[in-house]
Amino acid sequence: MTSDSEEQIHVSETEAPSPPAPTIETNMTENINLKEQLKYLVELQLVDSEVYDLETQKQAFPEKIKTMDALLDEKTAGLKNAEENLKKLQVSKNEKENDMRSKEEKIAKYQADLYKIKNNNEYKALQQEIDNIKADVSLIEEALIQLFDDIESASVKVKDEKKIFEAEKAKIDSEKSLINRQEAEIANELKKLLEKVSETQGRVDGTLLKLYKKILEHRGRTALARLEGEFCGGCNMHLRPQVINSIRLRKDIVQCDNCARILYAEDE
């Protein structure tokens, strides 16, 4: 079977008893104890899996924060819209109050002018104008009553939106603080694990380590798969008896034909 490092490692199909500590000579850099090397690789994979999981958690944090910020922006927009609506209503109220005040002043002036008019027609005309303005004032009063109700409702809406915003901000601030603590903890843990990775890699044959890393690059979390009965523990592919025998003999590196992971058997 050809590995990713383009080195040919043949699967042994010999039906022979497995020696206690087999050494093999392949096209690797030197004679190696494959049983021992597989043990180191299993140890390495355990640590690498922890690193992978922690890195996955770490990579998820920016997206979580982005989602939080988007949610807070939504609540901010809700509060801003409520405040702008209240402001518009208050401006409209002030304009109508000013308009009504102006009309009332005009009514007062016209009513004073009535006493100065001697002509009957002019008197009637001015009285009609006063009545028209009073009608306008009446409409403004009705509009103001509605505006007062709308402003009260809008004020309640602003208070509600502010409470929602403040609650969401407090929640998000708390979650961000938690993420910051988790990031610090993960960074500290990763530092320890990477030191352990480096130490364990130092015990693995260079060519074998290159193959392991290549598989890990393509498969993500694991480059080795344990033999599970007659199946690959990585992809659940059924394995031929000859392959199973070769795995147990530990004379050659055996890779799964389906997922390319290095297969190994636990001591029985």
C-alpha atoms as a PDB file:
ATOM      1  CA  MET A   1       0.000   0.000   0.000  1.00  0.00           C
ATOM      2  CA  THR A   2       1.351   3.441  -0.911  1.00  0.00           C
ATOM      3  CA  SER A   3       1.524   6.043   1.824  1.00  0.00           C
ATOM      4  CA  ASP A   4       1.155   9.831   1.444  1.00  0.00           C
ATOM      5  CA  SER A   5       4.923  10.123   1.789  1.00  0.00           C
ATOM      6  CA  GLU A   6       5.205   8.100  -1.478  1.00  0.00           C
ATOM      7  CA  GLU A   7       7.001   5.269   0.284  1.00  0.00           C
ATOM      8  CA  GLN A   8       5.956   1.679  -0.411  1.00  0.00           C
ATOM      9  CA  ILE A   9       5.155  -0.309   2.750  1.00  0.00           C
ATOM     10  CA  HIS A  10       3.853  -3.779   1.961  1.00  0.00           C
ATOM     11  CA  VAL A  11       1.066  -5.433   3.926  1.00  0.00           C
ATOM     12  CA  SER A  12       2.253  -8.745   5.197  1.00  0.00           C
ATOM     13  CA  GLU A  13      -0.066 -11.725   4.613  1.00  0.00           C
ATOM     14  CA  THR A  14       2.155 -14.330   6.267  1.00  0.00           C
ATOM     15  CA  GLU A  15       0.358 -16.644   8.656  1.00  0.00           C
ATOM     16  CA  ALA A  16       3.068 -16.820  11.303  1.00  0.00           C
ATOM     17  CA  PRO A  17       3.076 -16.314  15.064  1.00  0.00           C
ATOM     18  CA  SER A  18       3.861 -12.790  16.159  1.00  0.00           C
ATOM     19  CA  PRO A  19       7.247 -12.469  17.898  1.00  0.00           C
ATOM     20  CA  PRO A  20       7.283 -10.787  21.295  1.00  0.00           C
ATOM     21  CA  ALA A  21       8.876  -7.534  20.145  1.00  0.00           C
ATOM     22  CA  PRO A  22       9.126  -7.553  16.346  1.00  0.00           C
ATOM     23  CA  THR A  23      11.607  -5.296  14.618  1.00  0.00           C
ATOM     24  CA  ILE A  24      11.098  -4.510  10.959  1.00  0.00           C
ATOM     25  CA  GLU A  25      13.302  -3.266   8.198  1.00  0.00           C
ATOM     26  CA  THR A  26      11.409  -1.146   5.710  1.00  0.00           C
ATOM     27  CA  ASN A  27      12.461   1.760   3.542  1.00  0.00           C
ATOM     28  CA  MET A  28      12.259   3.970   6.656  1.00  0.00           C
ATOM     29  CA  THR A  29      15.366   5.636   7.974  1.00  0.00           C
ATOM     30  CA  GLU A  30      16.407   2.698  10.206  1.00  0.00           C
ATOM     31  CA  ASN A  31      15.311  -0.543  11.781  1.00  0.00           C
ATOM     32  CA  ILE A  32      12.483   0.300  14.143  1.00  0.00           C
ATOM     33  CA  ASN A  33      10.403  -1.510  16.695  1.00  0.00           C
ATOM     34  CA  LEU A  34       6.995  -1.067  15.043  1.00  0.00           C
ATOM     35  CA  LYS A  35       5.064  -2.134  18.141  1.00  0.00           C
ATOM     36  CA  GLU A  36       6.808   0.567  20.119  1.00  0.00           C
ATOM     37  CA  GLN A  37       6.384   3.116  17.335  1.00  0.00           C
ATOM     38  CA  LEU A  38       2.647   2.446  17.113  1.00  0.00           C
ATOM     39  CA  LYS A  39       2.425   2.903  20.864  1.00  0.00           C
ATOM     40  CA  TYR A  40       4.101   6.314  20.533  1.00  0.00           C
ATOM     41  CA  LEU A  41       1.763   7.231  17.682  1.00  0.00           C
ATOM     42  CA  VAL A  42      -1.279   6.301  19.770  1.00  0.00           C
ATOM     43  CA  GLU A  43       0.046   8.486  22.599  1.00  0.00           C
ATOM     44  CA  LEU A  44       0.711  11.286  20.114  1.00  0.00           C
ATOM     45  CA  GLN A  45      -2.769  10.992  18.665  1.00  0.00           C
ATOM     46  CA  LEU A  46      -4.369  11.250  22.107  1.00  0.00           C
ATOM     47  CA  VAL A  47      -2.592  14.544  22.690  1.00  0.00           C
ATOM     48  CA  ASP A  48      -3.168  15.774  19.125  1.00  0.00           C
ATOM     49  CA  SER A  49      -6.875  15.009  19.519  1.00  0.00           C
ATOM     50  CA  GLU A  50      -7.002  17.201  22.614  1.00  0.00           C
ATOM     51  CA  VAL A  51      -5.175  19.941  20.707  1.00  0.00           C
ATOM     52  CA  TYR A  52      -7.629  19.594  17.825  1.00  0.00           C
ATOM     53  CA  ASP A  53     -10.636  19.841  20.146  1.00  0.00           C
ATOM     54  CA  LEU A  54      -9.247  22.895  21.924  1.00  0.00           C
ATOM     55  CA  GLU A  55      -8.340  24.583  18.636  1.00  0.00           C
ATOM     56  CA  THR A  56     -11.873  23.879  17.386  1.00  0.00           C
ATOM     57  CA  GLN A  57     -13.315  25.520  20.500  1.00  0.00           C
ATOM     58  CA  LYS A  58     -10.946  28.464  20.082  1.00  0.00           C
ATOM     59  CA  GLN A  59     -11.888  28.945  16.432  1.00  0.00           C
ATOM     60  CA  ALA A  60     -15.583  29.020  17.352  1.00  0.00           C
ATOM     61  CA  PHE A  61     -15.184  32.001  19.692  1.00  0.00           C
ATOM     62  CA  PRO A  62     -14.983  34.773  17.031  1.00  0.00           C
ATOM     63  CA  GLU A  63     -18.210  33.546  15.412  1.00  0.00           C
ATOM     64  CA  LYS A  64     -19.921  33.414  18.799  1.00  0.00           C
ATOM     65  CA  ILE A  65     -18.833  36.987  19.525  1.00  0.00           C
ATOM     66  CA  LYS A  66     -19.984  38.069  16.069  1.00  0.00           C
ATOM     67  CA  THR A  67     -23.410  36.540  16.737  1.00  0.00           C
ATOM     68  CA  MET A  68     -23.581  38.290  20.121  1.00  0.00           C
ATOM     69  CA  ASP A  69     -22.644  41.640  18.587  1.00  0.00           C
ATOM     70  CA  ALA A  70     -25.274  41.219  15.864  1.00  0.00           C
ATOM     71  CA  LEU A  71     -27.918  40.485  18.508  1.00  0.00           C
ATOM     72  CA  LEU A  72     -26.856  43.522  20.541  1.00  0.00           C
ATOM     73  CA  ASP A  73     -26.953  45.662  17.385  1.00  0.00           C
ATOM     74  CA  GLU A  74     -30.522  44.466  16.853  1.00  0.00           C
ATOM     75  CA  LYS A  75     -31.500  45.510  20.385  1.00  0.00           C
ATOM     76  CA  THR A  76     -29.677  48.833  19.930  1.00  0.00           C
ATOM     77  CA  ALA A  77     -31.629  49.457  16.723  1.00  0.00           C
ATOM     78  CA  GLY A  78     -34.887  48.668  18.538  1.00  0.00           C
ATOM     79  CA  LEU A  79     -34.092  51.214  21.243  1.00  0.00           C
ATOM     80  CA  LYS A  80     -32.956  53.811  18.705  1.00  0.00           C
ATOM     81  CA  ASN A  81     -36.148  53.412  16.643  1.00  0.00           C
ATOM     82  CA  ALA A  82     -38.296  53.776  19.770  1.00  0.00           C
ATOM     83  CA  GLU A  83     -36.400  56.920  20.821  1.00  0.00           C
ATOM     84  CA  GLU A  84     -36.664  58.436  17.341  1.00  0.00           C
ATOM     85  CA  ASN A  85     -40.396  57.724  17.208  1.00  0.00           C
ATOM     86  CA  LEU A  86     -40.891  59.397  20.603  1.00  0.00           C
ATOM     87  CA  LYS A  87     -38.866  62.414  19.467  1.00  0.00           C
ATOM     88  CA  LYS A  88     -40.983  62.788  16.295  1.00  0.00           C
ATOM     89  CA  LEU A  89     -44.189  62.675  18.319  1.00  0.00           C
ATOM     90  CA  GLN A  90     -42.863  65.285  20.740  1.00  0.00           C
ATOM     91  CA  VAL A  91     -41.836  67.566  17.859  1.00  0.00           C
ATOM     92  CA  SER A  92     -45.270  67.160  16.293  1.00  0.00           C
ATOM     93  CA  LYS A  93     -46.911  67.989  19.645  1.00  0.00           C
ATOM     94  CA  ASN A  94     -44.812  71.142  20.027  1.00  0.00           C
ATOM     95  CA  GLU A  95     -45.639  72.252  16.489  1.00  0.00           C
ATOM     96  CA  LYS A  96     -49.352  71.760  17.014  1.00  0.00           C
ATOM     97  CA  GLU A  97     -49.247  73.528  20.381  1.00  0.00           C
ATOM     98  CA  ASN A  98     -47.482  76.481  18.756  1.00  0.00           C
ATOM     99  CA  ASP A  99     -50.017  76.468  15.917  1.00  0.00           C
ATOM    100  CA  MET A 100     -52.917  76.365  18.367  1.00  0.00           C
ATOM    101  CA  ARG A 101     -51.387  79.164  20.445  1.00  0.00           C
ATOM    102  CA  SER A 102     -51.020  81.302  17.324  1.00  0.00           C
ATOM    103  CA  LYS A 103     -54.626  80.683  16.305  1.00  0.00           C
ATOM    104  CA  GLU A 104     -55.921  81.433  19.798  1.00  0.00           C
ATOM    105  CA  GLU A 105     -54.028  84.733  19.765  1.00  0.00           C
ATOM    106  CA  LYS A 106     -55.579  85.513  16.394  1.00  0.00           C
ATOM    107  CA  ILE A 107     -59.045  84.677  17.728  1.00  0.00           C
ATOM    108  CA  ALA A 108     -58.483  87.032  20.676  1.00  0.00           C
ATOM    109  CA  LYS A 109     -57.361  89.815  18.329  1.00  0.00           C
ATOM    110  CA  TYR A 110     -60.278  89.331  15.959  1.00  0.00           C
ATOM    111  CA  GLN A 111     -62.759  89.264  18.831  1.00  0.00           C
ATOM    112  CA  ALA A 112     -61.352  92.613  20.033  1.00  0.00           C
ATOM    113  CA  ASP A 113     -61.668  93.955  16.501  1.00  0.00           C
ATOM    114  CA  LEU A 114     -65.362  93.027  16.405  1.00  0.00           C
ATOM    115  CA  TYR A 115     -66.151  95.830  18.816  1.00  0.00           C
ATOM    116  CA  LYS A 116     -64.543  98.370  16.475  1.00  0.00           C
ATOM    117  CA  ILE A 117     -66.507  97.351  13.365  1.00  0.00           C
ATOM    118  CA  LYS A 118     -69.584  99.426  12.464  1.00  0.00           C
ATOM    119  CA  ASN A 119     -70.409  97.730   9.152  1.00  0.00           C
ATOM    120  CA  ASN A 120     -72.727  94.735   9.549  1.00  0.00           C
ATOM    121  CA  ASN A 121     -71.255  92.795   6.625  1.00  0.00           C
ATOM    122  CA  GLU A 122     -67.685  93.296   7.848  1.00  0.00           C
ATOM    123  CA  TYR A 123     -68.814  92.178  11.306  1.00  0.00           C
ATOM    124  CA  LYS A 124     -70.317  88.961   9.895  1.00  0.00           C
ATOM    125  CA  ALA A 125     -67.252  88.286   7.779  1.00  0.00           C
ATOM    126  CA  LEU A 126     -64.905  88.675  10.704  1.00  0.00           C
ATOM    127  CA  GLN A 127     -67.148  86.542  12.909  1.00  0.00           C
ATOM    128  CA  GLN A 128     -67.062  83.814  10.244  1.00  0.00           C
ATOM    129  CA  GLU A 129     -63.291  83.992  10.193  1.00  0.00           C
ATOM    130  CA  ILE A 130     -63.250  83.627  13.988  1.00  0.00           C
ATOM    131  CA  ASP A 131     -65.541  80.595  13.756  1.00  0.00           C
ATOM    132  CA  ASN A 132     -63.289  79.022  11.098  1.00  0.00           C
ATOM    133  CA  ILE A 133     -60.221  79.494  13.255  1.00  0.00           C
ATOM    134  CA  LYS A 134     -62.050  78.028  16.262  1.00  0.00           C
ATOM    135  CA  ALA A 135     -62.908  74.996  14.137  1.00  0.00           C
ATOM    136  CA  ASP A 136     -59.203  74.644  13.277  1.00  0.00           C
ATOM    137  CA  VAL A 137     -58.314  74.920  16.971  1.00  0.00           C
ATOM    138  CA  SER A 138     -60.834  72.205  17.772  1.00  0.00           C
ATOM    139  CA  LEU A 139     -59.177  69.877  15.232  1.00  0.00           C
ATOM    140  CA  ILE A 140     -55.763  70.680  16.672  1.00  0.00           C
ATOM    141  CA  GLU A 141     -57.017  69.885  20.186  1.00  0.00           C
ATOM    142  CA  GLU A 142     -58.264  66.484  18.995  1.00  0.00           C
ATOM    143  CA  ALA A 143     -54.930  65.822  17.320  1.00  0.00           C
ATOM    144  CA  LEU A 144     -53.103  66.804  20.506  1.00  0.00           C
ATOM    145  CA  ILE A 145     -55.212  64.450  22.594  1.00  0.00           C
ATOM    146  CA  GLN A 146     -54.190  61.615  20.246  1.00  0.00           C
ATOM    147  CA  LEU A 147     -50.564  62.760  20.349  1.00  0.00           C
ATOM    148  CA  PHE A 148     -50.571  62.759  24.155  1.00  0.00           C
ATOM    149  CA  ASP A 149     -51.756  59.121  24.074  1.00  0.00           C
ATOM    150  CA  ASP A 150     -49.173  58.240  21.407  1.00  0.00           C
ATOM    151  CA  ILE A 151     -46.378  59.934  23.369  1.00  0.00           C
ATOM    152  CA  GLU A 152     -47.333  58.036  26.518  1.00  0.00           C
ATOM    153  CA  SER A 153     -47.274  54.738  24.603  1.00  0.00           C
ATOM    154  CA  ALA A 154     -43.999  55.692  22.904  1.00  0.00           C
ATOM    155  CA  SER A 155     -42.441  56.577  26.275  1.00  0.00           C
ATOM    156  CA  VAL A 156     -43.404  53.155  27.633  1.00  0.00           C
ATOM    157  CA  LYS A 157     -41.939  51.571  24.480  1.00  0.00           C
ATOM    158  CA  VAL A 158     -38.631  53.413  25.011  1.00  0.00           C
ATOM    159  CA  LYS A 159     -38.467  52.214  28.626  1.00  0.00           C
ATOM    160  CA  ASP A 160     -39.214  48.635  27.567  1.00  0.00           C
ATOM    161  CA  GLU A 161     -36.628  48.712  24.756  1.00  0.00           C
ATOM    162  CA  LYS A 162     -34.058  50.181  27.140  1.00  0.00           C
ATOM    163  CA  LYS A 163     -34.668  47.363  29.628  1.00  0.00           C
ATOM    164  CA  ILE A 164     -34.354  44.788  26.845  1.00  0.00           C
ATOM    165  CA  PHE A 165     -31.143  46.394  25.597  1.00  0.00           C
ATOM    166  CA  GLU A 166     -29.582  46.656  29.062  1.00  0.00           C
ATOM    167  CA  ALA A 167     -30.505  43.056  29.918  1.00  0.00           C
ATOM    168  CA  GLU A 168     -29.083  41.788  26.629  1.00  0.00           C
ATOM    169  CA  LYS A 169     -25.921  43.875  27.021  1.00  0.00           C
ATOM    170  CA  ALA A 170     -25.380  42.570  30.555  1.00  0.00           C
ATOM    171  CA  LYS A 171     -25.875  39.005  29.320  1.00  0.00           C
ATOM    172  CA  ILE A 172     -23.514  39.464  26.379  1.00  0.00           C
ATOM    173  CA  ASP A 173     -20.873  41.187  28.526  1.00  0.00           C
ATOM    174  CA  SER A 174     -21.020  38.232  30.894  1.00  0.00           C
ATOM    175  CA  GLU A 175     -20.741  35.733  28.023  1.00  0.00           C
ATOM    176  CA  LYS A 176     -17.823  37.643  26.513  1.00  0.00           C
ATOM    177  CA  SER A 177     -16.053  37.639  29.873  1.00  0.00           C
ATOM    178  CA  LEU A 178     -16.560  33.883  30.033  1.00  0.00           C
ATOM    179  CA  ILE A 179     -15.151  33.496  26.526  1.00  0.00           C
ATOM    180  CA  ASN A 180     -12.124  35.592  27.483  1.00  0.00           C
ATOM    181  CA  ARG A 181     -11.511  33.327  30.486  1.00  0.00           C
ATOM    182  CA  GLN A 182     -11.970  30.229  28.345  1.00  0.00           C
ATOM    183  CA  GLU A 183      -9.555  31.597  25.738  1.00  0.00           C
ATOM    184  CA  ALA A 184      -6.944  32.164  28.423  1.00  0.00           C
ATOM    185  CA  GLU A 185      -7.480  28.666  29.832  1.00  0.00           C
ATOM    186  CA  ILE A 186      -7.307  27.115  26.357  1.00  0.00           C
ATOM    187  CA  ALA A 187      -4.131  29.045  25.528  1.00  0.00           C
ATOM    188  CA  ASN A 188      -2.519  27.781  28.738  1.00  0.00           C
ATOM    189  CA  GLU A 189      -3.671  24.205  28.103  1.00  0.00           C
ATOM    190  CA  LEU A 190      -2.538  24.313  24.467  1.00  0.00           C
ATOM    191  CA  LYS A 191       0.908  25.445  25.542  1.00  0.00           C
ATOM    192  CA  LYS A 192       1.243  22.394  27.790  1.00  0.00           C
ATOM    193  CA  LEU A 193      -0.178  20.021  25.180  1.00  0.00           C
ATOM    194  CA  LEU A 194       2.046  21.325  22.381  1.00  0.00           C
ATOM    195  CA  GLU A 195       5.073  20.767  24.583  1.00  0.00           C
ATOM    196  CA  LYS A 196       3.880  17.198  25.089  1.00  0.00           C
ATOM    197  CA  VAL A 197       3.289  16.833  21.333  1.00  0.00           C
ATOM    198  CA  SER A 198       6.841  17.960  20.627  1.00  0.00           C
ATOM    199  CA  GLU A 199       8.217  15.554  23.222  1.00  0.00           C
ATOM    200  CA  THR A 200       6.236  12.597  21.863  1.00  0.00           C
ATOM    201  CA  GLN A 201       7.064  13.399  18.236  1.00  0.00           C
ATOM    202  CA  GLY A 202      10.723  13.159  19.169  1.00  0.00           C
ATOM    203  CA  ARG A 203      10.265   9.428  19.873  1.00  0.00           C
ATOM    204  CA  VAL A 204       8.593   8.680  16.521  1.00  0.00           C
ATOM    205  CA  ASP A 205      10.545   7.644  13.420  1.00  0.00           C
ATOM    206  CA  GLY A 206      10.856  10.596  11.032  1.00  0.00           C
ATOM    207  CA  THR A 207       9.318   8.886   7.995  1.00  0.00           C
ATOM    208  CA  LEU A 208       6.475   7.458  10.062  1.00  0.00           C
ATOM    209  CA  LEU A 209       5.869  10.850  11.644  1.00  0.00           C
ATOM    210  CA  LYS A 210       5.708  12.442   8.185  1.00  0.00           C
ATOM    211  CA  LEU A 211       3.075   9.897   7.130  1.00  0.00           C
ATOM    212  CA  TYR A 212       1.124  10.468  10.349  1.00  0.00           C
ATOM    213  CA  LYS A 213       1.108  14.240   9.847  1.00  0.00           C
ATOM    214  CA  LYS A 214       0.026  13.903   6.226  1.00  0.00           C
ATOM    215  CA  ILE A 215      -2.945  11.738   7.169  1.00  0.00           C
ATOM    216  CA  LEU A 216      -3.789  14.049  10.067  1.00  0.00           C
ATOM    217  CA  GLU A 217      -3.773  17.011   7.673  1.00  0.00           C
ATOM    218  CA  HIS A 218      -6.444  15.354   5.532  1.00  0.00           C
ATOM    219  CA  ARG A 219      -8.465  13.660   8.272  1.00  0.00           C
ATOM    220  CA  GLY A 220      -8.462  16.360  10.937  1.00  0.00           C
ATOM    221  CA  ARG A 221      -8.694  14.783  14.345  1.00  0.00           C
ATOM    222  CA  THR A 222      -7.184  11.309  13.942  1.00  0.00           C
ATOM    223  CA  ALA A 223      -4.534   9.664  11.749  1.00  0.00           C
ATOM    224  CA  LEU A 224      -4.712   6.261  13.447  1.00  0.00           C
ATOM    225  CA  ALA A 225      -7.649   3.906  13.722  1.00  0.00           C
ATOM    226  CA  ARG A 226      -7.982   1.006  16.137  1.00  0.00           C
ATOM    227  CA  LEU A 227      -8.975  -2.399  14.832  1.00  0.00           C
ATOM    228  CA  GLU A 228     -12.568  -2.972  15.989  1.00  0.00           C
ATOM    229  CA  GLY A 229     -13.262  -6.654  15.401  1.00  0.00           C
ATOM    230  CA  GLU A 230     -13.157  -6.903  11.605  1.00  0.00           C
ATOM    231  CA  PHE A 231     -13.665  -3.197  11.006  1.00  0.00           C
ATOM    232  CA  CYS A 232     -11.628  -0.006  10.775  1.00  0.00           C
ATOM    233  CA  GLY A 233     -12.340   2.039  13.887  1.00  0.00           C
ATOM    234  CA  GLY A 234     -11.996   5.240  11.883  1.00  0.00           C
ATOM    235  CA  CYS A 235     -14.445   4.745   9.004  1.00  0.00           C
ATOM    236  CA  ASN A 236     -16.084   1.405   9.909  1.00  0.00           C
ATOM    237  CA  MET A 237     -14.915  -0.263   6.710  1.00  0.00           C
ATOM    238  CA  HIS A 238     -14.863  -4.085   6.756  1.00  0.00           C
ATOM    239  CA  LEU A 239     -11.302  -5.382   6.558  1.00  0.00           C
ATOM    240  CA  ARG A 240     -10.048  -8.509   4.786  1.00  0.00           C
ATOM    241  CA  PRO A 241      -8.659 -11.310   6.989  1.00  0.00           C
ATOM    242  CA  GLN A 242      -5.154 -10.843   5.505  1.00  0.00           C
ATOM    243  CA  VAL A 243      -5.215  -7.159   6.480  1.00  0.00           C
ATOM    244  CA  ILE A 244      -6.390  -7.979   9.993  1.00  0.00           C
ATOM    245  CA  ASN A 245      -3.607 -10.517  10.338  1.00  0.00           C
ATOM    246  CA  SER A 246      -1.008  -7.988   9.176  1.00  0.00           C
ATOM    247  CA  ILE A 247      -2.280  -5.435  11.693  1.00  0.00           C
ATOM    248  CA  ARG A 248      -1.908  -7.922  14.525  1.00  0.00           C
ATOM    249  CA  LEU A 249       1.533  -9.079  13.388  1.00  0.00           C
ATOM    250  CA  ARG A 250       2.832  -5.486  13.517  1.00  0.00           C
ATOM    251  CA  LYS A 251       5.498  -6.167  10.900  1.00  0.00           C
ATOM    252  CA  ASP A 252       4.400  -3.488   8.445  1.00  0.00           C
ATOM    253  CA  ILE A 253       2.488  -0.243   8.493  1.00  0.00           C
ATOM    254  CA  VAL A 254      -1.076  -1.011   7.430  1.00  0.00           C
ATOM    255  CA  GLN A 255      -3.410   1.705   6.199  1.00  0.00           C
ATOM    256  CA  CYS A 256      -7.144   1.502   5.670  1.00  0.00           C
ATOM    257  CA  ASP A 257      -7.994   1.346   1.956  1.00  0.00           C
ATOM    258  CA  ASN A 258     -10.950   3.639   2.556  1.00  0.00           C
ATOM    259  CA  CYS A 259      -9.821   6.394   4.963  1.00  0.00           C
ATOM    260  CA  ALA A 260      -6.016   5.869   4.720  1.00  0.00           C
ATOM    261  CA  ARG A 261      -5.629   5.913   8.518  1.00  0.00           C
ATOM    262  CA  ILE A 262      -2.859   3.812  10.027  1.00  0.00           C
ATOM    263  CA  LEU A 263      -4.464   0.748  11.552  1.00  0.00           C
ATOM    264  CA  TYR A 264      -3.370  -0.761  14.837  1.00  0.00           C
ATOM    265  CA  ALA A 265      -4.538  -3.464  17.236  1.00  0.00           C
ATOM    266  CA  GLU A 266      -4.521  -3.210  20.979  1.00  0.00           C
ATOM    267  CA  ASP A 267      -2.624  -5.861  22.953  1.00  0.00           C
ATOM    268  CA  GLU A 268      -4.799  -8.852  23.645  1.00  0.00           C
END
